[in-house]
N, C-alpha and C. Protein backbone atom coordinates (compact mmCIF):
# COMPACT_ATOMS: atom_id res chain seq x y z
N MET A 1 0.86 -1.18 -0.01
CA MET A 1 -0.02 -0.01 0.02
C MET A 1 0.95 1.25 0.11
N ASN A 2 0.59 2.23 -0.85
CA ASN A 2 1.39 3.43 -0.99
C ASN A 2 0.80 4.41 0.08
N THR A 3 1.81 4.70 1.05
CA THR A 3 1.39 5.60 2.18
C THR A 3 1.95 6.99 1.92
N HIS A 4 2.58 7.23 0.80
CA HIS A 4 3.21 8.59 0.43
C HIS A 4 2.17 9.71 0.58
N ARG A 5 2.47 10.63 1.34
CA ARG A 5 1.51 11.84 1.45
C ARG A 5 2.07 12.98 0.57
N ARG A 6 1.19 13.29 -0.44
CA ARG A 6 1.67 14.33 -1.44
C ARG A 6 1.91 15.71 -0.65
N SER A 7 2.91 16.31 -1.11
CA SER A 7 3.27 17.72 -0.65
C SER A 7 2.28 18.68 -1.37
N LEU A 8 2.16 19.89 -0.79
CA LEU A 8 1.39 20.90 -1.38
C LEU A 8 1.81 21.19 -2.86
N SER A 9 3.10 21.29 -3.16
CA SER A 9 3.62 21.61 -4.44
C SER A 9 3.24 20.47 -5.35
N GLU A 10 3.22 19.24 -4.92
CA GLU A 10 2.89 18.18 -5.83
C GLU A 10 1.30 18.20 -6.12
N ILE A 11 0.58 18.54 -5.18
CA ILE A 11 -0.86 18.75 -5.40
C ILE A 11 -1.07 19.83 -6.42
N LEU A 12 -0.52 20.99 -6.13
CA LEU A 12 -0.64 22.20 -6.99
C LEU A 12 -0.14 21.93 -8.48
N ALA A 13 1.07 21.14 -8.61
CA ALA A 13 1.54 20.91 -9.90
C ALA A 13 0.51 20.13 -10.81
N ASN A 14 -0.30 19.43 -10.19
CA ASN A 14 -1.42 18.76 -11.04
C ASN A 14 -2.77 19.34 -11.01
N ALA A 15 -2.90 20.55 -10.53
CA ALA A 15 -4.13 21.22 -10.40
C ALA A 15 -4.31 22.22 -11.53
N GLN A 16 -5.67 22.53 -11.78
CA GLN A 16 -5.99 23.49 -12.88
C GLN A 16 -5.77 24.88 -12.32
N LEU A 17 -4.74 25.49 -12.66
CA LEU A 17 -4.34 26.84 -12.24
C LEU A 17 -4.22 27.79 -13.37
N THR A 18 -4.59 29.02 -13.11
CA THR A 18 -4.47 30.06 -14.10
C THR A 18 -3.09 30.69 -14.07
N PRO A 19 -2.43 30.75 -15.22
CA PRO A 19 -1.15 31.49 -15.26
C PRO A 19 -1.21 32.88 -15.04
N LEU A 20 -0.18 33.41 -14.30
CA LEU A 20 -0.12 34.88 -13.98
C LEU A 20 1.24 35.32 -14.48
N VAL A 21 1.32 36.56 -14.87
CA VAL A 21 2.69 37.10 -15.25
C VAL A 21 2.98 38.25 -14.32
N ALA A 22 4.26 38.52 -14.18
CA ALA A 22 4.62 39.50 -13.20
C ALA A 22 3.94 40.85 -13.31
N SER A 23 3.68 41.26 -14.47
CA SER A 23 3.23 42.59 -14.71
C SER A 23 1.64 42.66 -14.22
N SER A 24 1.06 41.58 -14.13
CA SER A 24 -0.38 41.50 -13.78
C SER A 24 -0.65 41.75 -12.20
N ILE A 25 0.52 41.61 -11.50
CA ILE A 25 0.35 41.59 -10.01
C ILE A 25 0.43 43.13 -9.49
N THR A 26 -0.64 43.49 -8.85
CA THR A 26 -0.69 44.90 -8.46
C THR A 26 -1.19 44.91 -7.00
N SER A 27 -1.18 46.02 -6.35
CA SER A 27 -1.38 46.18 -4.95
C SER A 27 -2.90 46.00 -4.63
N ASP A 28 -3.15 45.61 -3.39
CA ASP A 28 -4.50 45.38 -2.85
C ASP A 28 -5.46 44.58 -3.75
N GLN A 29 -4.89 43.55 -4.15
CA GLN A 29 -5.58 42.54 -5.01
C GLN A 29 -5.55 41.13 -4.39
N THR A 30 -6.54 40.19 -4.72
CA THR A 30 -6.53 38.88 -4.34
C THR A 30 -6.38 37.99 -5.49
N TYR A 31 -5.48 37.04 -5.46
CA TYR A 31 -5.18 36.16 -6.54
C TYR A 31 -5.44 34.73 -6.06
N GLU A 32 -6.20 33.93 -6.82
CA GLU A 32 -6.66 32.63 -6.43
C GLU A 32 -6.42 31.65 -7.53
N SER A 33 -6.07 30.38 -7.14
CA SER A 33 -5.85 29.26 -8.11
C SER A 33 -5.01 29.77 -9.31
N PHE A 34 -3.76 30.12 -9.00
CA PHE A 34 -2.87 30.68 -9.97
C PHE A 34 -1.57 29.89 -9.94
N VAL A 35 -0.82 30.11 -11.09
CA VAL A 35 0.60 29.60 -11.09
C VAL A 35 1.56 30.72 -11.79
N ILE A 36 2.56 31.01 -11.09
CA ILE A 36 3.54 31.99 -11.57
C ILE A 36 4.87 31.35 -11.68
N GLN A 37 5.32 31.19 -12.95
CA GLN A 37 6.59 30.61 -13.38
C GLN A 37 7.59 31.46 -14.00
N ASP A 38 8.84 31.34 -13.51
CA ASP A 38 9.95 32.22 -14.08
C ASP A 38 9.74 33.55 -14.16
N ALA A 39 8.97 34.20 -13.24
CA ALA A 39 8.71 35.57 -13.12
C ALA A 39 9.70 36.37 -12.44
N ASP A 40 10.02 37.54 -12.92
CA ASP A 40 10.94 38.52 -12.25
C ASP A 40 10.29 39.53 -11.49
N LEU A 41 10.15 39.31 -10.12
CA LEU A 41 9.47 40.35 -9.27
C LEU A 41 10.43 40.91 -8.36
N LYS A 42 11.65 41.02 -8.81
CA LYS A 42 12.74 41.51 -7.92
C LYS A 42 12.50 43.04 -7.53
N GLU A 43 12.57 43.29 -6.20
CA GLU A 43 12.41 44.63 -5.76
C GLU A 43 10.99 45.18 -5.93
N SER A 44 10.00 44.39 -6.20
CA SER A 44 8.65 44.94 -6.45
C SER A 44 8.17 45.39 -5.15
N ARG A 45 7.25 46.34 -5.13
CA ARG A 45 6.56 46.90 -4.01
C ARG A 45 5.07 46.93 -4.29
N ASN A 46 4.41 45.95 -3.57
CA ASN A 46 3.00 45.67 -3.79
C ASN A 46 2.34 45.38 -2.44
N PRO A 47 1.94 46.35 -1.76
CA PRO A 47 1.21 46.08 -0.44
C PRO A 47 -0.16 45.61 -0.57
N GLY A 48 -0.79 44.90 0.51
CA GLY A 48 -2.08 44.51 0.42
C GLY A 48 -2.52 43.43 -0.36
N ILE A 49 -1.50 42.53 -0.89
CA ILE A 49 -1.96 41.35 -1.69
C ILE A 49 -2.33 40.23 -0.89
N CYS A 50 -3.24 39.47 -1.42
CA CYS A 50 -3.66 38.16 -0.90
C CYS A 50 -3.51 37.02 -1.98
N PHE A 51 -2.59 36.13 -1.69
CA PHE A 51 -2.44 34.91 -2.64
C PHE A 51 -3.02 33.68 -1.94
N GLU A 52 -3.93 33.03 -2.66
CA GLU A 52 -4.64 31.90 -2.06
C GLU A 52 -4.68 30.77 -3.08
N TYR A 53 -4.16 29.59 -2.70
CA TYR A 53 -4.16 28.43 -3.47
C TYR A 53 -3.42 28.63 -4.91
N GLY A 54 -2.16 28.62 -4.74
CA GLY A 54 -1.29 28.88 -6.02
C GLY A 54 0.13 28.36 -5.85
N LEU A 55 0.87 28.50 -6.93
CA LEU A 55 2.26 27.96 -6.99
C LEU A 55 3.08 29.03 -7.60
N PHE A 56 4.18 29.42 -6.93
CA PHE A 56 5.29 30.13 -7.45
C PHE A 56 6.36 29.12 -7.80
N GLU A 57 6.85 29.08 -8.98
CA GLU A 57 7.86 28.20 -9.36
C GLU A 57 9.03 28.95 -10.14
N LYS A 58 10.21 28.87 -9.58
CA LYS A 58 11.46 29.52 -10.19
C LYS A 58 11.22 31.04 -10.30
N ALA A 59 10.51 31.65 -9.46
CA ALA A 59 10.30 33.03 -9.46
C ALA A 59 11.41 33.75 -8.66
N ASN A 60 11.75 34.96 -9.27
CA ASN A 60 12.73 35.82 -8.56
C ASN A 60 12.02 36.85 -7.82
N LEU A 61 12.04 36.73 -6.46
CA LEU A 61 11.39 37.68 -5.50
C LEU A 61 12.48 38.37 -4.62
N THR A 62 13.55 38.40 -5.11
CA THR A 62 14.67 39.08 -4.35
C THR A 62 14.35 40.56 -3.95
N ALA A 63 14.46 40.84 -2.61
CA ALA A 63 14.22 42.11 -2.10
C ALA A 63 12.94 42.71 -2.33
N CYS A 64 11.91 41.94 -2.65
CA CYS A 64 10.60 42.47 -2.85
C CYS A 64 10.02 42.94 -1.45
N LYS A 65 9.21 43.89 -1.56
CA LYS A 65 8.64 44.42 -0.24
C LYS A 65 7.16 44.34 -0.40
N TRP A 66 6.57 43.29 0.16
CA TRP A 66 5.06 42.99 0.12
C TRP A 66 4.47 43.07 1.59
N MET A 67 4.11 44.32 1.85
CA MET A 67 3.56 44.50 3.23
C MET A 67 2.08 44.14 3.29
N SER A 68 1.54 43.96 4.54
CA SER A 68 0.19 43.44 4.69
C SER A 68 -0.22 42.42 3.76
N LEU A 69 0.62 41.37 3.64
CA LEU A 69 0.50 40.20 2.77
C LEU A 69 -0.17 39.11 3.45
N GLU A 70 -1.02 38.38 2.67
CA GLU A 70 -1.71 37.21 3.04
C GLU A 70 -1.36 36.07 2.13
N VAL A 71 -0.85 34.90 2.67
CA VAL A 71 -0.54 33.72 1.84
C VAL A 71 -1.17 32.58 2.35
N ILE A 72 -2.06 31.91 1.62
CA ILE A 72 -2.87 30.76 2.12
C ILE A 72 -2.83 29.80 1.07
N LYS A 73 -2.32 28.44 1.51
CA LYS A 73 -2.14 27.31 0.64
C LYS A 73 -1.40 27.70 -0.59
N VAL A 74 -0.22 28.25 -0.49
CA VAL A 74 0.66 28.55 -1.58
C VAL A 74 2.00 27.87 -1.47
N ALA A 75 2.54 27.38 -2.61
CA ALA A 75 3.90 26.64 -2.52
C ALA A 75 4.86 27.54 -3.37
N PHE A 76 6.07 27.68 -2.81
CA PHE A 76 7.15 28.33 -3.41
C PHE A 76 8.16 27.33 -3.65
N THR A 77 8.45 27.01 -4.93
CA THR A 77 9.37 25.92 -5.35
C THR A 77 10.59 26.53 -6.19
N SER A 78 11.74 26.29 -5.74
CA SER A 78 12.90 26.73 -6.50
C SER A 78 12.95 28.31 -6.72
N CYS A 79 12.45 29.08 -5.69
CA CYS A 79 12.27 30.51 -5.81
C CYS A 79 13.40 31.17 -5.12
N THR A 80 13.67 32.49 -5.41
CA THR A 80 14.66 33.21 -4.71
C THR A 80 13.93 34.35 -4.01
N LEU A 81 13.94 34.38 -2.59
CA LEU A 81 13.40 35.46 -1.81
C LEU A 81 14.38 36.02 -0.91
N SER A 82 15.70 36.06 -1.30
CA SER A 82 16.73 36.71 -0.53
C SER A 82 16.48 38.19 -0.24
N ASN A 83 16.48 38.57 1.03
CA ASN A 83 16.30 39.92 1.46
C ASN A 83 14.87 40.42 1.10
N ALA A 84 13.98 39.62 0.83
CA ALA A 84 12.55 40.05 0.73
C ALA A 84 12.15 40.46 2.11
N ASN A 85 11.13 41.47 2.13
CA ASN A 85 10.60 41.94 3.35
C ASN A 85 9.04 41.69 3.29
N TRP A 86 8.77 40.69 4.09
CA TRP A 86 7.23 40.34 4.30
C TRP A 86 6.86 40.57 5.67
N GLY A 87 7.48 41.56 6.36
CA GLY A 87 7.22 41.76 7.75
C GLY A 87 5.66 41.94 8.09
N GLY A 88 5.29 41.18 9.09
CA GLY A 88 3.81 41.18 9.50
C GLY A 88 2.93 40.39 8.63
N ALA A 89 3.46 39.51 7.68
CA ALA A 89 2.66 38.72 6.88
C ALA A 89 1.85 37.74 7.58
N GLU A 90 0.73 37.23 6.97
CA GLU A 90 -0.13 36.11 7.46
C GLU A 90 0.16 35.06 6.50
N ILE A 91 0.79 33.96 6.90
CA ILE A 91 1.15 32.77 6.04
C ILE A 91 0.46 31.49 6.73
N GLU A 92 -0.37 30.84 6.00
CA GLU A 92 -0.96 29.62 6.46
C GLU A 92 -0.99 28.49 5.45
N ASP A 93 -0.72 27.23 6.05
CA ASP A 93 -0.94 26.03 5.13
C ASP A 93 -0.10 26.09 3.82
N SER A 94 1.09 26.59 3.98
CA SER A 94 1.88 26.86 2.81
C SER A 94 3.20 26.07 2.89
N GLU A 95 4.03 26.28 1.82
CA GLU A 95 5.26 25.43 1.56
C GLU A 95 6.42 26.26 0.96
N PHE A 96 7.54 26.17 1.40
CA PHE A 96 8.69 26.77 0.67
C PHE A 96 9.63 25.52 0.50
N HIS A 97 10.04 25.27 -0.76
CA HIS A 97 10.76 24.14 -1.01
C HIS A 97 12.01 24.50 -2.04
N ARG A 98 13.13 24.07 -1.61
CA ARG A 98 14.37 24.27 -2.41
C ARG A 98 14.48 25.74 -2.83
N SER A 99 14.22 26.58 -1.97
CA SER A 99 14.27 28.00 -2.20
C SER A 99 15.37 28.74 -1.40
N GLN A 100 15.77 29.88 -2.01
CA GLN A 100 16.88 30.66 -1.37
C GLN A 100 16.12 31.78 -0.53
N LEU A 101 16.31 31.74 0.75
CA LEU A 101 15.61 32.68 1.67
C LEU A 101 16.63 33.45 2.56
N THR A 102 17.76 33.61 2.09
CA THR A 102 18.81 34.29 2.91
C THR A 102 18.34 35.70 3.19
N GLY A 103 18.44 36.09 4.48
CA GLY A 103 18.09 37.37 4.78
C GLY A 103 16.56 37.73 4.77
N PHE A 104 15.67 36.68 4.55
CA PHE A 104 14.27 36.98 4.40
C PHE A 104 13.73 37.42 5.63
N ASN A 105 13.00 38.58 5.49
CA ASN A 105 12.38 39.32 6.68
C ASN A 105 10.94 38.88 6.93
N LEU A 106 10.69 38.02 7.97
CA LEU A 106 9.38 37.78 8.36
C LEU A 106 9.06 38.25 9.87
N ALA A 107 9.67 39.29 10.23
CA ALA A 107 9.58 39.85 11.50
C ALA A 107 8.12 40.15 11.75
N GLY A 108 7.55 39.80 12.90
CA GLY A 108 6.15 40.03 13.29
C GLY A 108 5.16 39.28 12.37
N ALA A 109 5.53 38.35 11.62
CA ALA A 109 4.64 37.53 10.83
C ALA A 109 3.86 36.48 11.71
N ARG A 110 2.82 35.95 11.19
CA ARG A 110 2.04 34.95 11.85
C ARG A 110 2.10 33.78 10.76
N ILE A 111 2.82 32.76 11.23
CA ILE A 111 3.05 31.59 10.29
C ILE A 111 2.50 30.25 10.89
N VAL A 112 1.49 29.66 10.18
CA VAL A 112 0.83 28.49 10.79
C VAL A 112 0.76 27.41 9.73
N ASN A 113 1.06 26.17 10.24
CA ASN A 113 1.00 24.95 9.35
C ASN A 113 1.78 24.98 8.14
N THR A 114 2.92 25.50 8.21
CA THR A 114 3.86 25.83 7.05
C THR A 114 5.17 25.06 7.07
N HIS A 115 5.57 24.49 5.90
CA HIS A 115 6.66 23.68 5.79
C HIS A 115 7.80 24.28 5.04
N PHE A 116 8.94 24.35 5.51
CA PHE A 116 10.17 24.88 4.89
C PHE A 116 11.02 23.57 4.61
N SER A 117 11.41 23.18 3.43
CA SER A 117 12.17 22.03 3.12
C SER A 117 13.34 22.38 2.18
N ARG A 118 14.51 21.88 2.54
CA ARG A 118 15.67 22.18 1.63
C ARG A 118 15.92 23.58 1.23
N CYS A 119 15.72 24.44 2.21
CA CYS A 119 15.83 25.89 1.81
C CYS A 119 17.04 26.48 2.54
N LYS A 120 17.61 27.52 2.04
CA LYS A 120 18.69 28.26 2.70
C LYS A 120 17.99 29.37 3.21
N VAL A 121 17.93 29.37 4.55
CA VAL A 121 17.27 30.44 5.37
C VAL A 121 18.13 31.17 6.34
N ASP A 122 19.45 31.08 6.09
CA ASP A 122 20.39 31.78 6.91
C ASP A 122 20.24 33.22 6.98
N LEU A 123 20.53 33.82 8.13
CA LEU A 123 20.42 35.24 8.42
C LEU A 123 18.95 35.85 8.28
N SER A 124 17.96 34.95 8.32
CA SER A 124 16.62 35.34 8.11
C SER A 124 16.10 36.00 9.50
N LEU A 125 15.06 36.69 9.29
CA LEU A 125 14.53 37.50 10.47
C LEU A 125 13.11 36.97 10.80
N PHE A 126 13.03 36.32 12.00
CA PHE A 126 11.70 35.84 12.40
C PHE A 126 11.46 36.56 13.78
N HIS A 127 12.11 37.53 14.17
CA HIS A 127 11.99 38.14 15.47
C HIS A 127 10.50 38.72 15.61
N ASP A 128 9.92 38.53 16.86
CA ASP A 128 8.55 38.80 17.14
C ASP A 128 7.50 38.13 16.29
N ALA A 129 7.88 37.16 15.60
CA ALA A 129 6.92 36.39 14.74
C ALA A 129 6.17 35.37 15.59
N GLN A 130 5.01 34.92 15.13
CA GLN A 130 4.34 33.76 15.79
C GLN A 130 4.32 32.51 14.82
N LEU A 131 4.90 31.48 15.25
CA LEU A 131 5.04 30.20 14.47
C LEU A 131 4.30 29.07 15.19
N LYS A 132 3.32 28.44 14.54
CA LYS A 132 2.57 27.33 15.02
C LYS A 132 2.46 26.20 14.17
N ASN A 133 2.79 24.96 14.61
CA ASN A 133 2.62 23.77 13.93
C ASN A 133 3.43 23.95 12.52
N CYS A 134 4.72 24.43 12.62
CA CYS A 134 5.52 24.49 11.48
C CYS A 134 6.65 23.63 11.46
N ARG A 135 7.21 23.34 10.32
CA ARG A 135 8.26 22.41 10.14
C ARG A 135 9.40 22.88 9.29
N PHE A 136 10.64 22.87 9.81
CA PHE A 136 11.87 23.17 8.97
C PHE A 136 12.59 21.85 8.79
N GLU A 137 12.83 21.55 7.58
CA GLU A 137 13.44 20.19 7.29
C GLU A 137 14.60 20.35 6.32
N ASN A 138 15.89 19.92 6.70
CA ASN A 138 16.94 20.01 5.85
C ASN A 138 17.22 21.43 5.40
N CYS A 139 17.15 22.42 6.27
CA CYS A 139 17.32 23.76 6.02
C CYS A 139 18.58 24.36 6.70
N ASP A 140 19.16 25.27 6.07
CA ASP A 140 20.23 26.13 6.59
C ASP A 140 19.67 27.40 7.26
N LEU A 141 19.62 27.34 8.63
CA LEU A 141 19.24 28.39 9.39
C LEU A 141 20.26 29.09 10.23
N ARG A 142 21.47 29.04 9.77
CA ARG A 142 22.57 29.59 10.58
C ARG A 142 22.30 31.00 10.69
N GLU A 143 22.49 31.43 12.02
CA GLU A 143 22.40 32.88 12.47
C GLU A 143 20.98 33.44 12.19
N ALA A 144 19.97 32.58 12.12
CA ALA A 144 18.58 33.14 11.96
C ALA A 144 18.17 33.76 13.28
N ASP A 145 17.30 34.75 13.14
CA ASP A 145 16.92 35.45 14.30
C ASP A 145 15.46 35.19 14.64
N PHE A 146 15.28 34.50 15.89
CA PHE A 146 13.95 34.23 16.35
C PHE A 146 13.76 34.95 17.72
N GLN A 147 14.47 36.02 17.93
CA GLN A 147 14.34 36.75 19.14
C GLN A 147 12.97 37.17 19.52
N ALA A 148 12.50 37.03 20.64
CA ALA A 148 11.16 37.43 21.06
C ALA A 148 10.07 36.88 20.24
N ALA A 149 10.33 35.80 19.57
CA ALA A 149 9.23 35.13 18.76
C ALA A 149 8.49 34.15 19.64
N LYS A 150 7.34 33.73 19.19
CA LYS A 150 6.49 32.69 19.93
C LYS A 150 6.51 31.51 19.00
N LEU A 151 7.00 30.38 19.52
CA LEU A 151 7.04 29.16 18.65
C LEU A 151 6.34 28.01 19.33
N LYS A 152 5.45 27.40 18.80
CA LYS A 152 4.59 26.35 19.40
C LYS A 152 4.46 25.25 18.35
N GLN A 153 4.96 23.94 18.89
CA GLN A 153 4.79 22.88 17.91
C GLN A 153 5.61 23.04 16.56
N VAL A 154 6.80 23.44 16.83
CA VAL A 154 7.68 23.76 15.63
C VAL A 154 8.81 22.70 15.70
N THR A 155 9.03 21.96 14.59
CA THR A 155 10.12 21.04 14.40
C THR A 155 11.23 21.57 13.48
N PHE A 156 12.55 21.41 13.96
CA PHE A 156 13.60 21.60 13.22
C PHE A 156 14.31 20.27 12.94
N ARG A 157 14.22 19.66 11.82
CA ARG A 157 14.66 18.34 11.51
C ARG A 157 15.82 18.39 10.61
N ASN A 158 17.08 17.99 10.93
CA ASN A 158 18.17 17.87 10.14
C ASN A 158 18.58 19.27 9.62
N CYS A 159 18.46 20.27 10.50
CA CYS A 159 18.79 21.72 10.11
C CYS A 159 20.01 22.06 10.70
N ASP A 160 20.57 23.13 10.17
CA ASP A 160 21.80 23.75 10.67
C ASP A 160 21.42 25.07 11.35
N LEU A 161 21.33 25.03 12.65
CA LEU A 161 20.89 26.07 13.48
C LEU A 161 22.13 26.78 14.24
N ARG A 162 23.32 26.57 13.79
CA ARG A 162 24.51 27.09 14.52
C ARG A 162 24.31 28.61 14.53
N GLY A 163 24.45 29.20 15.73
CA GLY A 163 24.38 30.64 15.86
C GLY A 163 23.05 31.25 15.75
N ALA A 164 22.07 30.41 15.58
CA ALA A 164 20.74 31.03 15.60
C ALA A 164 20.28 31.59 17.03
N ARG A 165 19.51 32.60 16.97
CA ARG A 165 19.07 33.37 18.22
C ARG A 165 17.85 33.19 18.59
N PHE A 166 17.48 32.70 19.91
CA PHE A 166 16.18 32.56 20.36
C PHE A 166 16.00 33.40 21.67
N ALA A 167 16.88 34.36 21.95
CA ALA A 167 16.74 35.14 23.14
C ALA A 167 15.31 35.71 23.24
N ALA A 168 14.82 35.62 24.45
CA ALA A 168 13.52 36.19 24.89
C ALA A 168 12.32 35.57 24.02
N ALA A 169 12.54 34.45 23.40
CA ALA A 169 11.55 33.81 22.69
C ALA A 169 10.74 32.91 23.69
N THR A 170 9.47 32.72 23.24
CA THR A 170 8.56 31.82 24.03
C THR A 170 8.41 30.50 23.25
N LEU A 171 8.83 29.44 23.86
CA LEU A 171 9.00 28.24 23.13
C LEU A 171 8.16 27.17 23.81
N GLU A 172 7.24 26.35 23.05
CA GLU A 172 6.55 25.41 23.50
C GLU A 172 6.37 24.16 22.54
N ASP A 173 6.93 23.01 22.95
CA ASP A 173 6.72 21.76 22.26
C ASP A 173 7.64 21.85 21.03
N LEU A 174 8.89 22.12 21.17
CA LEU A 174 9.86 22.20 20.08
C LEU A 174 10.57 20.85 19.89
N ASP A 175 11.06 20.64 18.72
CA ASP A 175 11.76 19.36 18.49
C ASP A 175 13.01 19.71 17.58
N PHE A 176 14.24 19.65 18.16
CA PHE A 176 15.37 19.98 17.51
C PHE A 176 16.20 18.75 17.02
N ARG A 177 15.64 17.55 17.19
CA ARG A 177 16.35 16.26 16.87
C ARG A 177 16.88 16.25 15.47
N GLY A 178 18.17 15.86 15.38
CA GLY A 178 18.88 15.72 14.10
C GLY A 178 19.53 17.04 13.54
N SER A 179 19.45 18.09 14.32
CA SER A 179 19.94 19.43 13.88
C SER A 179 21.21 19.82 14.46
N GLN A 180 21.97 20.59 13.86
CA GLN A 180 23.20 21.13 14.42
C GLN A 180 22.94 22.34 15.20
N ILE A 181 23.19 22.47 16.45
CA ILE A 181 22.78 23.59 17.41
C ILE A 181 24.01 24.30 18.14
N ALA A 182 25.27 23.97 17.69
CA ALA A 182 26.37 24.51 18.31
C ALA A 182 26.22 26.06 18.23
N GLY A 183 26.49 26.71 19.38
CA GLY A 183 26.42 28.11 19.35
C GLY A 183 25.06 28.72 19.38
N ILE A 184 24.04 28.05 19.49
CA ILE A 184 22.73 28.47 19.53
C ILE A 184 22.50 29.37 20.81
N HIS A 185 21.66 30.43 20.60
CA HIS A 185 21.46 31.38 21.83
C HIS A 185 19.98 31.18 22.10
N ILE A 186 19.73 30.56 23.30
CA ILE A 186 18.46 30.27 23.79
C ILE A 186 18.34 30.28 25.29
N GLU A 187 17.18 30.67 25.69
CA GLU A 187 17.02 30.85 27.21
C GLU A 187 16.80 29.34 27.80
N PRO A 188 17.75 28.97 28.70
CA PRO A 188 17.51 27.60 29.27
C PRO A 188 16.24 27.31 29.95
N THR A 189 15.65 28.40 30.45
CA THR A 189 14.22 28.23 31.13
C THR A 189 13.08 27.96 30.17
N GLU A 190 13.47 28.09 28.82
CA GLU A 190 12.36 27.91 27.92
C GLU A 190 12.59 26.46 27.13
N LEU A 191 13.52 25.70 27.71
CA LEU A 191 13.77 24.38 27.09
C LEU A 191 12.95 23.22 27.62
N SER A 192 12.18 23.47 28.61
CA SER A 192 11.34 22.36 29.19
C SER A 192 10.39 21.83 28.15
N GLY A 193 10.42 20.43 28.07
CA GLY A 193 9.66 19.77 27.03
C GLY A 193 10.13 19.76 25.68
N THR A 194 11.34 20.31 25.46
CA THR A 194 11.91 20.31 24.07
C THR A 194 12.58 19.08 23.78
N LYS A 195 12.26 18.45 22.56
CA LYS A 195 12.89 17.12 22.22
C LYS A 195 14.22 17.33 21.60
N VAL A 196 15.20 16.63 22.11
CA VAL A 196 16.55 16.61 21.55
C VAL A 196 16.99 15.24 21.47
N ASP A 197 18.13 15.03 20.76
CA ASP A 197 18.63 13.70 20.60
C ASP A 197 19.92 13.56 21.44
N ALA A 198 20.52 12.43 21.50
CA ALA A 198 21.61 12.14 22.43
C ALA A 198 22.90 12.98 21.97
N GLY A 199 23.01 13.17 20.66
CA GLY A 199 24.21 14.05 20.26
C GLY A 199 24.13 15.40 20.60
N GLN A 200 22.92 15.90 20.96
CA GLN A 200 22.73 17.36 21.23
C GLN A 200 22.82 17.67 22.79
N VAL A 201 22.92 16.64 23.53
CA VAL A 201 22.76 16.80 25.01
C VAL A 201 24.05 17.67 25.49
N VAL A 202 25.22 17.44 24.95
CA VAL A 202 26.36 18.23 25.44
C VAL A 202 26.19 19.67 25.17
N ASP A 203 25.58 20.08 23.97
CA ASP A 203 25.50 21.42 23.59
C ASP A 203 24.41 22.10 24.53
N PHE A 204 23.35 21.40 24.67
CA PHE A 204 22.23 21.99 25.65
C PHE A 204 22.71 21.98 27.08
N ALA A 205 23.60 20.94 27.45
CA ALA A 205 24.08 21.04 28.81
C ALA A 205 24.99 22.34 29.07
N GLU A 206 25.66 22.72 28.02
CA GLU A 206 26.52 23.92 28.14
C GLU A 206 25.59 25.22 28.44
N LEU A 207 24.44 25.15 27.80
CA LEU A 207 23.50 26.27 27.94
C LEU A 207 23.00 26.39 29.49
N LEU A 208 22.93 25.22 30.13
CA LEU A 208 22.55 25.11 31.54
C LEU A 208 23.75 25.23 32.47
N GLY A 209 24.90 25.45 31.92
CA GLY A 209 26.03 25.58 32.74
C GLY A 209 26.61 24.25 33.27
N LEU A 210 26.17 23.09 32.71
CA LEU A 210 26.71 21.84 33.05
C LEU A 210 27.86 21.47 32.25
N VAL A 211 28.79 20.59 32.95
CA VAL A 211 29.86 20.02 32.19
C VAL A 211 29.67 18.48 32.11
N VAL A 212 29.56 18.04 30.90
CA VAL A 212 29.48 16.61 30.66
C VAL A 212 30.80 16.01 30.50
N GLU A 213 31.17 15.12 31.42
CA GLU A 213 32.45 14.46 31.37
C GLU A 213 32.41 13.09 31.95
N GLY A 214 32.98 12.19 31.30
CA GLY A 214 32.99 10.75 31.75
C GLY A 214 33.91 10.58 32.85
N LEU A 215 33.80 9.47 33.65
CA LEU A 215 34.69 9.11 34.72
C LEU A 215 36.03 8.63 34.04
N GLY A 216 37.08 8.66 34.80
CA GLY A 216 38.32 8.04 34.39
C GLY A 216 38.23 6.49 34.58
N GLU A 217 39.14 5.85 34.09
CA GLU A 217 39.32 4.30 34.25
C GLU A 217 39.40 3.82 35.67
N ASP A 218 40.08 4.71 36.47
CA ASP A 218 40.40 4.40 37.86
C ASP A 218 39.41 4.84 38.78
N ASP A 219 38.33 5.61 38.32
CA ASP A 219 37.35 6.22 39.21
C ASP A 219 36.35 5.06 39.55
N PRO A 220 36.08 5.06 40.82
CA PRO A 220 35.03 4.01 41.25
C PRO A 220 33.72 4.41 40.80
N ILE A 221 32.91 3.32 40.46
CA ILE A 221 31.46 3.57 40.06
C ILE A 221 30.59 2.81 41.15
N TYR A 222 29.55 3.41 41.64
CA TYR A 222 28.57 2.83 42.51
C TYR A 222 27.88 1.70 41.95
N SER A 223 28.07 0.52 42.65
CA SER A 223 27.46 -0.64 42.07
C SER A 223 26.19 -1.08 42.79
N GLY A 224 25.84 -0.45 43.88
CA GLY A 224 24.71 -0.79 44.83
C GLY A 224 24.87 -2.01 45.54
N GLU A 225 26.02 -2.53 45.69
CA GLU A 225 26.36 -3.76 46.42
C GLU A 225 26.96 -3.20 47.75
């Protein structure tokens, strides 16, 4: 029996979607059931847009500034969003796959049920954002900024989180298993209930001020006898 669960991008790739061109996207408009392919939207300024049920594929969104943005059931595949500013955006049930998101500004955004997979998200800004039931998988999140953000039921699987900052963040039911976390900045008091793997114990112990050190060969071990 095939138990493969299709991703949003796979579903949209086989859906009946209306092609859109970059020049047709204007401010304060809603776009539904669409596909945008190979579009150049670099440095575009279009506030008040709502995208619902659509696919961006190989689109260049570098440094675009889309404020008051709503994104619902939209997949971004092989796109470039480096230094894009979507501060305060509402993003739900969406997907970012194999995309370049270096320096992506999502400060103050609300992000729900969204999946980031095989993306470069280093130096990104999530500070003061709200993330719920989100998943980052095989992503580069080095030096990402989650300061003062609220994260609930968020999974970081096989990600590079070295140097990521979670200072003053509120964390609930997080899962860091399989990820690199050396140099992560996080409040020890917020780690209660966080899932980690055996290889991460030393790194998290350092945050707690603990020293993990094995006994020497000549040190006695209590046997209970």
